[in-house]
Amino acid sequence: MKKQGLKVRAALFLVMAALASSPVLTSVAAATKKDVSSAKDKKSTLKQEKKKTEEAIKSLQGLKSNTESYVKELDTKMNDLQSQVTKLENNISSKQKSIDETAVKLEEAQKTEEKQYASMKMRIKYMYEKGDSSYLNLLLEARSLSELLNRAEYVSKISEYDRKMLDQYVATKESIADSKKKLETEKAELQDMKTQTEAKQDSVQLLLNEKNKELQNVNAQIGEKSAQAKAYEDDIKAQEAKIAQMEAEIKKKEAEEAAKKAAEEAARKAAAAGKTNNSTGKGNTGSTTTTSTGSSSLRWPCPASGRITSGYGNRKSPTAGASSNHKGIDISASTGSSIVAADGGTVSIATYSYSAGNYVVINHGNGLSTVYMHCSQLLVSAGDTVKAGQTIAKVGSTGYSTGSHLHFAVRKNGSYVNPSSYVSP
């Protein structure tokens, strides 16, 4: 009686210790799965914004490349136009030089003509002095040299030599004058071409200035967007760290809750055991045995191994997160060994848990079900009907596990019972 009472008090102490040490009860700010979901949504939003920003940067880089190419083309065009202007200026300078030289020739021809004209007048004067007054009257009445020459009735009075020489000088002067006029026309045309080319230069320069300004603006936008992308990346990393921290808190909280429930279950069983011992009477001083509902009524779940490394009941937790109140038996076996159904039934659960790893639960009816944890591979799905001895999974070390093994458990009417009452190697 005293010994059983000590067990009850010890179990109650475990419950109180679990409650006292649980941060879930002492911290209202503890992370929840809803918080994690919200943080993940925020991370997803940040990733989307970062992606949009990176796409904008890519678009701006393309615009920058196109603008730089266009600026390069404009620079080349400006150089070509400048070459044209320089060439035109050289041609204009050359034309002006030719015009100046022609002007000198024209002036010389003019002087030669005037000398010839003076000589003719001297000869006419001589003729007059000899008595030919009509010739002098003709000269005095003429208003120009051309008029004088056109008066056919007096042409014969001018010597053939004088006429030829005068015609030659007049022709030379007119030819030089025509050449000068042509050169001046060509110079004017060159000047017009230069003016047009300089106008093109001005237009290209305006466009070049505009494109350089656009390029500066694009570079500024790229810098701004790059800074935004970096900020998003930093925020994403911070959010990932926050998510990892919250998930670790939740995992710790679930482990503590599991420990609390295990302690409560141990206390309940200890209390129930105390009541059972009291009902047997004071005369029962020998060891008690547990009455099973069919010893070895189920198949051994791991044909490849019969070595039990951890039995049912209280134990020292083998790893962080693992329960100290063992609700099944651990059967050591190599990874990939077959796990078979202990009896026929329906698969109610076939999924993954962070603590149990890959696990299967089979409902055999009459309130009896079996559990197979830490599997490396599941070969059945929820809802499947299985036969006794059918391979349902492979041995592994998923979830809270320190090595390759099968955790096998039996539940009767929703409560865990000692599997050794139902199976044996």
Protein backbone atom coordinates (compact mmCIF):
# COMPACT_ATOMS: atom_id res chain seq x y z
CA MET A 1 0.00 0.00 0.00
CA LYS A 2 2.69 2.51 0.99
CA LYS A 3 4.76 1.56 -2.05
CA GLN A 4 1.79 2.04 -4.36
CA GLY A 5 0.99 5.38 -2.73
CA LEU A 6 4.53 6.54 -3.40
CA LYS A 7 4.06 5.69 -7.09
CA VAL A 8 0.88 7.73 -7.25
CA ARG A 9 2.53 10.71 -5.57
CA ALA A 10 5.54 10.41 -7.90
CA ALA A 11 3.27 10.41 -10.94
CA LEU A 12 1.40 13.44 -9.66
CA PHE A 13 4.76 15.16 -9.10
CA LEU A 14 5.66 14.52 -12.76
CA VAL A 15 2.38 16.11 -13.85
CA MET A 16 3.00 19.19 -11.72
CA ALA A 17 6.60 19.46 -12.93
CA ALA A 18 5.50 19.25 -16.54
CA LEU A 19 2.89 21.96 -16.00
CA ALA A 20 5.34 24.20 -14.17
CA SER A 21 8.05 23.89 -16.81
CA SER A 22 5.78 24.41 -19.81
CA PRO A 23 6.34 27.81 -21.49
CA VAL A 24 2.98 27.42 -23.19
CA LEU A 25 1.25 28.16 -19.91
CA THR A 26 3.57 30.97 -18.83
CA SER A 27 4.01 32.88 -22.11
CA VAL A 28 1.03 34.32 -23.96
CA ALA A 29 3.36 35.46 -26.72
CA ALA A 30 4.40 31.92 -27.71
CA ALA A 31 4.35 31.26 -31.47
CA THR A 32 1.39 29.45 -33.00
CA LYS A 33 0.92 27.62 -36.29
CA LYS A 34 -1.23 30.56 -37.36
CA ASP A 35 1.75 32.86 -36.72
CA VAL A 36 3.96 30.58 -38.84
CA SER A 37 1.37 30.55 -41.62
CA SER A 38 1.15 34.35 -41.50
CA ALA A 39 4.96 34.64 -41.56
CA LYS A 40 5.14 32.29 -44.55
CA ASP A 41 2.49 34.35 -46.35
CA LYS A 42 4.55 37.47 -45.70
CA LYS A 43 7.68 35.69 -46.98
CA SER A 44 5.77 34.66 -50.12
CA THR A 45 4.65 38.27 -50.63
CA LEU A 46 8.23 39.49 -50.21
CA LYS A 47 9.43 36.93 -52.77
CA GLN A 48 6.78 38.11 -55.23
CA GLU A 49 7.76 41.74 -54.71
CA LYS A 50 11.44 40.83 -55.12
CA LYS A 51 10.63 38.96 -58.33
CA LYS A 52 8.71 41.98 -59.69
CA THR A 53 11.63 44.24 -58.77
CA GLU A 54 14.13 41.90 -60.46
CA GLU A 55 11.93 41.82 -63.58
CA ALA A 56 11.84 45.63 -63.54
CA ILE A 57 15.65 45.69 -63.24
CA LYS A 58 15.91 43.30 -66.19
CA SER A 59 13.62 45.53 -68.25
CA LEU A 60 15.63 48.62 -67.29
CA GLN A 61 18.87 46.84 -68.20
CA GLY A 62 17.41 46.14 -71.63
CA LEU A 63 16.37 49.78 -72.00
CA LYS A 64 19.83 50.86 -70.87
CA SER A 65 21.50 48.60 -73.44
CA ASN A 66 19.28 49.93 -76.25
CA THR A 67 19.84 53.55 -75.19
CA GLU A 68 23.61 53.05 -75.00
CA SER A 69 23.58 51.56 -78.51
CA TYR A 70 21.55 54.51 -79.79
CA VAL A 71 23.88 57.01 -78.07
CA LYS A 72 26.82 55.26 -79.73
CA GLU A 73 25.11 55.59 -83.12
CA LEU A 74 24.46 59.29 -82.48
CA ASP A 75 28.10 59.83 -81.50
CA THR A 76 29.18 58.20 -84.75
CA LYS A 77 26.73 60.36 -86.70
CA MET A 78 28.02 63.51 -84.95
CA ASN A 79 31.58 62.58 -85.91
CA ASP A 80 30.52 62.02 -89.53
CA LEU A 81 28.70 65.38 -89.64
CA GLN A 82 31.71 67.14 -88.13
CA SER A 83 33.91 65.57 -90.79
CA GLN A 84 31.49 66.85 -93.45
CA VAL A 85 31.52 70.35 -91.94
CA THR A 86 35.32 70.36 -91.83
CA LYS A 87 35.49 69.21 -95.45
CA LEU A 88 32.97 71.88 -96.52
CA GLU A 89 34.91 74.56 -94.66
CA ASN A 90 38.08 73.48 -96.48
CA ASN A 91 36.23 73.57 -99.82
CA ILE A 92 34.78 77.01 -99.02
CA SER A 93 38.23 78.26 -98.10
CA SER A 94 39.62 76.85 -101.35
CA LYS A 95 36.80 78.48 -103.36
CA GLN A 96 37.42 81.79 -101.66
CA LYS A 97 41.09 81.55 -102.55
CA SER A 98 40.17 80.87 -106.19
CA ILE A 99 37.72 83.79 -106.12
CA ASP A 100 40.41 86.09 -104.75
CA GLU A 101 42.87 84.94 -107.43
CA THR A 102 40.24 85.42 -110.15
CA ALA A 103 39.43 88.88 -108.84
CA VAL A 104 43.10 89.81 -109.25
CA LYS A 105 43.08 88.47 -112.83
CA LEU A 106 39.85 90.34 -113.54
CA GLU A 107 41.38 93.55 -112.26
CA GLU A 108 44.44 93.03 -114.47
CA ALA A 109 42.22 92.32 -117.50
CA GLN A 110 40.24 95.46 -116.74
CA LYS A 111 43.45 97.50 -116.68
CA THR A 112 44.66 95.92 -119.94
CA GLU A 113 41.34 96.74 -121.60
CA GLU A 114 41.54 100.32 -120.36
CA LYS A 115 45.08 100.67 -121.73
CA GLN A 116 43.95 99.33 -125.11
CA TYR A 117 41.03 101.72 -125.07
CA ALA A 118 43.39 104.62 -124.28
CA SER A 119 45.66 103.60 -127.17
CA MET A 120 42.70 103.58 -129.53
CA LYS A 121 41.71 107.04 -128.42
CA MET A 122 45.22 108.28 -129.06
CA ARG A 123 45.09 106.95 -132.59
CA ILE A 124 41.68 108.52 -133.15
CA LYS A 125 43.04 111.82 -131.91
CA TYR A 126 45.83 111.49 -134.39
CA MET A 127 43.37 110.89 -137.18
CA TYR A 128 41.47 113.96 -136.14
CA GLU A 129 44.54 116.06 -136.23
CA LYS A 130 45.00 114.82 -139.76
CA GLY A 131 41.57 116.23 -140.61
CA ASP A 132 39.06 113.45 -140.13
CA SER A 133 36.68 115.34 -137.81
CA SER A 134 33.74 113.00 -138.34
CA TYR A 135 35.60 110.23 -136.58
CA LEU A 136 36.09 112.46 -133.55
CA ASN A 137 32.41 113.40 -133.51
CA LEU A 138 31.52 109.71 -133.56
CA LEU A 139 33.73 109.09 -130.54
CA LEU A 140 32.33 112.04 -128.65
CA GLU A 141 28.73 110.97 -129.32
CA ALA A 142 29.27 107.34 -128.22
CA ARG A 143 28.08 106.67 -124.68
CA SER A 144 30.11 103.49 -124.28
CA LEU A 145 32.74 101.40 -125.89
CA SER A 146 30.12 98.88 -126.99
CA GLU A 147 28.10 101.56 -128.73
CA LEU A 148 31.22 102.73 -130.44
CA LEU A 149 32.03 99.26 -131.70
CA ASN A 150 28.48 98.60 -132.89
CA ARG A 151 28.37 101.55 -135.15
CA ALA A 152 29.21 99.62 -138.25
CA GLU A 153 29.70 102.69 -140.48
CA TYR A 154 32.76 103.65 -138.42
CA VAL A 155 34.21 100.18 -137.66
CA SER A 156 36.29 100.34 -140.80
CA LYS A 157 37.99 103.48 -139.50
CA ILE A 158 39.48 101.41 -136.60
CA SER A 159 42.47 99.44 -137.60
CA GLU A 160 42.15 95.71 -137.86
CA TYR A 161 44.86 95.29 -135.24
CA ASP A 162 43.16 97.52 -132.69
CA ARG A 163 39.85 95.76 -133.18
CA LYS A 164 41.33 92.30 -132.72
CA MET A 165 43.24 93.31 -129.63
CA LEU A 166 40.23 95.03 -128.09
CA ASP A 167 37.98 92.03 -128.81
CA GLN A 168 40.54 89.75 -127.21
CA TYR A 169 40.80 91.87 -124.07
CA VAL A 170 37.03 92.17 -123.77
CA ALA A 171 36.62 88.40 -124.19
CA THR A 172 39.31 87.74 -121.61
CA LYS A 173 37.69 90.10 -119.12
CA GLU A 174 34.24 88.55 -119.65
CA SER A 175 35.66 85.02 -119.27
CA ILE A 176 37.37 85.96 -116.04
CA ALA A 177 34.19 87.64 -114.80
CA ASP A 178 32.18 84.50 -115.65
CA SER A 179 34.70 82.35 -113.79
CA LYS A 180 34.49 84.62 -110.76
CA LYS A 181 30.70 84.49 -110.82
CA LYS A 182 30.76 80.69 -111.10
CA LEU A 183 33.20 80.41 -108.20
CA GLU A 184 31.03 82.69 -106.07
CA THR A 185 27.97 80.55 -106.91
CA GLU A 186 29.83 77.39 -105.96
CA LYS A 187 30.98 79.02 -102.75
CA ALA A 188 27.40 80.01 -101.93
CA GLU A 189 26.28 76.41 -102.56
CA LEU A 190 29.03 75.11 -100.29
CA GLN A 191 28.02 77.64 -97.65
CA ASP A 192 24.40 76.42 -97.89
CA MET A 193 25.56 72.80 -97.53
CA LYS A 194 27.61 73.76 -94.49
CA THR A 195 24.62 75.57 -92.96
CA GLN A 196 22.40 72.51 -93.53
CA THR A 197 25.02 70.16 -92.11
CA GLU A 198 25.47 72.36 -89.04
CA ALA A 199 21.68 72.34 -88.59
CA LYS A 200 21.78 68.52 -88.67
CA GLN A 201 24.57 68.66 -86.11
CA ASP A 202 22.42 70.79 -83.84
CA SER A 203 19.49 68.35 -84.17
CA VAL A 204 21.67 65.32 -83.48
CA GLN A 205 23.29 67.09 -80.52
CA LEU A 206 19.86 67.86 -79.03
CA LEU A 207 18.85 64.22 -79.45
CA LEU A 208 22.18 63.07 -78.02
CA ASN A 209 21.71 65.30 -74.96
CA GLU A 210 18.20 63.91 -74.50
CA LYS A 211 19.36 60.29 -74.73
CA ASN A 212 22.24 60.89 -72.33
CA LYS A 213 19.74 62.35 -69.88
CA GLU A 214 17.50 59.29 -70.34
CA LEU A 215 20.52 57.05 -69.76
CA GLN A 216 21.31 58.84 -66.49
CA ASN A 217 17.68 58.41 -65.42
CA VAL A 218 17.72 54.68 -66.28
CA ASN A 219 20.95 54.18 -64.32
CA ALA A 220 19.39 55.94 -61.34
CA GLN A 221 16.30 53.69 -61.56
CA ILE A 222 18.47 50.57 -61.81
CA GLY A 223 20.36 51.66 -58.69
CA GLU A 224 17.09 52.30 -56.85
CA LYS A 225 15.55 48.97 -57.91
CA SER A 226 18.75 47.09 -57.03
CA ALA A 227 18.62 48.60 -53.55
CA GLN A 228 14.96 47.54 -53.26
CA ALA A 229 15.81 43.98 -54.36
CA LYS A 230 18.60 43.84 -51.76
CA ALA A 231 16.19 45.09 -49.09
CA TYR A 232 13.63 42.44 -50.08
CA GLU A 233 16.35 39.76 -49.93
CA ASP A 234 17.32 40.90 -46.42
CA ASP A 235 13.66 40.91 -45.36
CA ILE A 236 13.17 37.40 -46.78
CA LYS A 237 16.20 36.10 -44.85
CA ALA A 238 14.91 37.76 -41.67
CA GLN A 239 11.48 36.23 -42.26
CA GLU A 240 13.01 32.78 -42.81
CA ALA A 241 14.91 33.11 -39.53
CA LYS A 242 11.70 34.17 -37.80
CA ILE A 243 9.81 31.20 -39.28
CA ALA A 244 12.55 28.78 -38.20
CA GLN A 245 12.47 30.22 -34.68
CA MET A 246 8.67 29.97 -34.44
CA GLU A 247 8.67 26.40 -35.79
CA ALA A 248 11.32 25.48 -33.23
CA GLU A 249 9.17 27.03 -30.48
CA ILE A 250 6.10 25.13 -31.69
CA LYS A 251 8.07 21.89 -31.88
CA LYS A 252 9.33 22.44 -28.34
CA LYS A 253 5.83 23.29 -27.17
CA GLU A 254 4.38 20.11 -28.73
CA ALA A 255 7.13 18.03 -27.14
CA GLU A 256 6.38 19.59 -23.76
CA GLU A 257 2.66 19.01 -24.23
CA ALA A 258 3.37 15.39 -25.13
CA ALA A 259 5.51 15.06 -22.00
CA LYS A 260 2.73 16.62 -19.95
CA LYS A 261 0.15 14.20 -21.36
CA ALA A 262 2.51 11.28 -20.77
CA ALA A 263 2.95 12.37 -17.16
CA GLU A 264 -0.81 12.71 -16.74
CA GLU A 265 -1.30 9.25 -18.27
CA ALA A 266 1.33 7.81 -15.93
CA ALA A 267 -0.41 9.41 -12.97
CA ARG A 268 -3.76 8.06 -14.10
CA LYS A 269 -2.39 4.56 -14.54
CA ALA A 270 -0.61 4.70 -11.22
CA ALA A 271 -3.80 5.81 -9.51
CA ALA A 272 -5.77 3.07 -11.27
CA ALA A 273 -3.16 0.50 -10.28
CA GLY A 274 -3.43 1.67 -6.67
CA LYS A 275 -7.18 1.17 -6.70
CA THR A 276 -6.76 -2.30 -8.24
CA ASN A 277 -4.30 -3.37 -5.55
CA ASN A 278 -6.62 -2.08 -2.85
CA SER A 279 -9.47 -4.17 -4.26
CA THR A 280 -7.43 -7.42 -4.08
CA GLY A 281 -7.43 -7.37 -0.28
CA LYS A 282 -4.76 -7.22 2.35
CA GLY A 283 -3.95 -10.93 2.11
CA ASN A 284 -2.45 -10.66 -1.36
CA THR A 285 1.27 -10.22 -0.63
CA GLY A 286 2.69 -12.00 -3.71
CA SER A 287 3.49 -10.51 -7.10
CA THR A 288 0.54 -9.61 -9.32
CA THR A 289 0.21 -10.54 -12.98
CA THR A 290 -1.63 -8.59 -15.65
CA THR A 291 -4.48 -10.46 -17.25
CA SER A 292 -4.22 -10.12 -21.02
CA THR A 293 -6.99 -10.35 -23.57
CA GLY A 294 -5.31 -12.96 -25.63
CA SER A 295 -1.56 -13.36 -25.15
CA SER A 296 0.31 -13.65 -28.45
CA SER A 297 -2.97 -13.18 -30.31
CA LEU A 298 -1.23 -10.95 -32.92
CA ARG A 299 1.58 -11.64 -35.39
CA TRP A 300 5.10 -10.45 -34.65
CA PRO A 301 5.36 -7.25 -36.79
CA CYS A 302 9.05 -7.50 -37.76
CA PRO A 303 9.99 -10.96 -39.11
CA ALA A 304 13.63 -9.90 -39.68
CA SER A 305 14.36 -9.26 -35.99
CA GLY A 306 13.11 -10.30 -32.58
CA ARG A 307 15.41 -8.01 -30.52
CA ILE A 308 13.52 -5.58 -28.29
CA THR A 309 15.74 -2.60 -27.42
CA SER A 310 13.21 -0.62 -25.37
CA GLY A 311 10.23 -2.07 -23.59
CA TYR A 312 6.83 -0.69 -22.70
CA GLY A 313 6.50 1.79 -19.79
CA ASN A 314 8.65 4.38 -18.06
CA ARG A 315 12.18 4.87 -19.34
CA LYS A 316 14.90 7.49 -19.79
CA SER A 317 14.19 9.53 -22.93
CA PRO A 318 16.70 8.31 -25.59
CA THR A 319 16.69 11.61 -27.54
CA ALA A 320 15.31 15.13 -27.42
CA GLY A 321 11.56 15.13 -28.04
CA ALA A 322 11.16 11.41 -27.32
CA SER A 323 8.76 10.44 -24.52
CA SER A 324 10.06 9.01 -21.23
CA ASN A 325 6.78 7.09 -20.91
CA HIS A 326 7.20 4.52 -23.68
CA LYS A 327 3.83 3.50 -25.08
CA GLY A 328 5.11 0.62 -27.18
CA ILE A 329 8.15 -1.56 -27.78
CA ASP A 330 11.17 -0.77 -29.98
CA ILE A 331 12.33 -3.62 -32.22
CA SER A 332 15.83 -3.14 -33.62
CA ALA A 333 16.15 -4.00 -37.33
CA SER A 334 18.12 -2.86 -40.35
CA THR A 335 16.72 -0.14 -42.59
CA GLY A 336 14.45 -1.53 -45.29
CA SER A 337 13.42 -4.64 -43.33
CA SER A 338 9.78 -5.61 -43.87
CA ILE A 339 7.07 -4.54 -41.43
CA VAL A 340 3.95 -6.74 -41.55
CA ALA A 341 0.40 -6.25 -40.30
CA ALA A 342 -0.06 -7.88 -36.90
CA ASP A 343 -3.60 -8.82 -37.95
CA GLY A 344 -6.11 -8.15 -40.68
CA GLY A 345 -7.96 -4.84 -40.69
CA THR A 346 -8.35 -1.40 -42.25
CA VAL A 347 -5.59 1.21 -42.47
CA SER A 348 -6.94 4.27 -40.62
CA ILE A 349 -3.75 6.38 -40.81
CA ALA A 350 -0.72 6.30 -43.14
CA THR A 351 1.15 9.59 -42.97
CA TYR A 352 4.15 11.51 -41.60
CA SER A 353 4.61 13.15 -38.19
CA TYR A 354 7.67 15.11 -37.04
CA SER A 355 7.85 12.90 -33.91
CA ALA A 356 6.62 9.50 -35.19
CA GLY A 357 8.09 9.93 -38.67
CA ASN A 358 6.35 7.81 -41.30
CA TYR A 359 3.77 5.73 -39.44
CA VAL A 360 0.74 3.47 -39.97
CA VAL A 361 -2.29 2.74 -37.78
CA ILE A 362 -4.43 -0.35 -38.51
CA ASN A 363 -7.91 -0.80 -37.02
CA HIS A 364 -8.57 -4.50 -36.35
CA GLY A 365 -12.08 -4.06 -34.94
CA ASN A 366 -13.44 -4.71 -31.44
CA GLY A 367 -11.59 -1.61 -30.17
CA LEU A 368 -8.17 -3.03 -31.05
CA SER A 369 -5.64 -1.19 -33.24
CA THR A 370 -1.88 -1.41 -33.86
CA VAL A 371 0.66 1.34 -34.55
CA TYR A 372 3.91 1.12 -36.59
CA MET A 373 6.28 4.13 -36.35
CA HIS A 374 9.60 5.51 -37.75
CA CYS A 375 9.17 3.72 -41.12
CA SER A 376 11.50 4.52 -44.00
CA GLN A 377 8.75 3.77 -46.52
CA LEU A 378 4.97 3.32 -46.40
CA LEU A 379 3.42 0.69 -48.70
CA VAL A 380 -0.25 1.25 -47.81
CA SER A 381 -2.61 4.21 -47.69
CA ALA A 382 -5.46 5.23 -45.42
CA GLY A 383 -8.58 3.24 -46.29
CA ASP A 384 -6.69 0.16 -47.53
CA THR A 385 -7.75 -3.28 -46.28
CA VAL A 386 -4.83 -5.47 -45.21
CA LYS A 387 -4.38 -9.09 -44.23
CA ALA A 388 -2.42 -10.49 -41.31
CA GLY A 389 1.25 -10.82 -42.31
CA GLN A 390 0.94 -8.45 -45.29
CA THR A 391 3.96 -6.13 -45.73
CA ILE A 392 2.74 -2.62 -45.01
CA ALA A 393 5.99 -0.63 -44.60
CA LYS A 394 9.78 -0.75 -44.30
CA VAL A 395 11.89 -0.24 -41.17
CA GLY A 396 13.61 3.16 -40.89
CA SER A 397 14.62 5.96 -38.53
CA THR A 398 12.31 8.88 -39.35
CA GLY A 399 10.95 11.31 -36.74
CA TYR A 400 12.37 11.30 -33.19
CA SER A 401 14.69 8.33 -33.52
CA THR A 402 18.26 7.40 -32.62
CA GLY A 403 18.63 4.51 -35.05
CA SER A 404 16.90 2.15 -37.43
CA HIS A 405 14.05 0.37 -35.59
CA LEU A 406 10.29 -0.26 -35.47
CA HIS A 407 8.24 1.28 -32.69
CA PHE A 408 5.26 -1.08 -32.34
CA ALA A 409 2.29 -0.15 -30.17
CA VAL A 410 -1.13 -1.64 -29.37
CA ARG A 411 -4.23 0.34 -28.40
CA LYS A 412 -7.34 -1.13 -26.80
CA ASN A 413 -10.46 1.03 -26.74
CA GLY A 414 -8.34 4.12 -27.41
CA SER A 415 -5.71 3.49 -24.69
CA TYR A 416 -2.18 2.20 -25.15
CA VAL A 417 -1.54 -1.26 -23.64
CA ASN A 418 1.58 -3.40 -23.34
CA PRO A 419 2.24 -4.99 -26.77
CA SER A 420 3.99 -7.92 -25.05
CA SER A 421 0.54 -9.11 -23.98
CA TYR A 422 -0.34 -9.56 -27.67
CA VAL A 423 2.86 -10.43 -29.52
CA SER A 424 6.12 -12.26 -28.97
CA PRO A 425 9.18 -12.81 -31.23
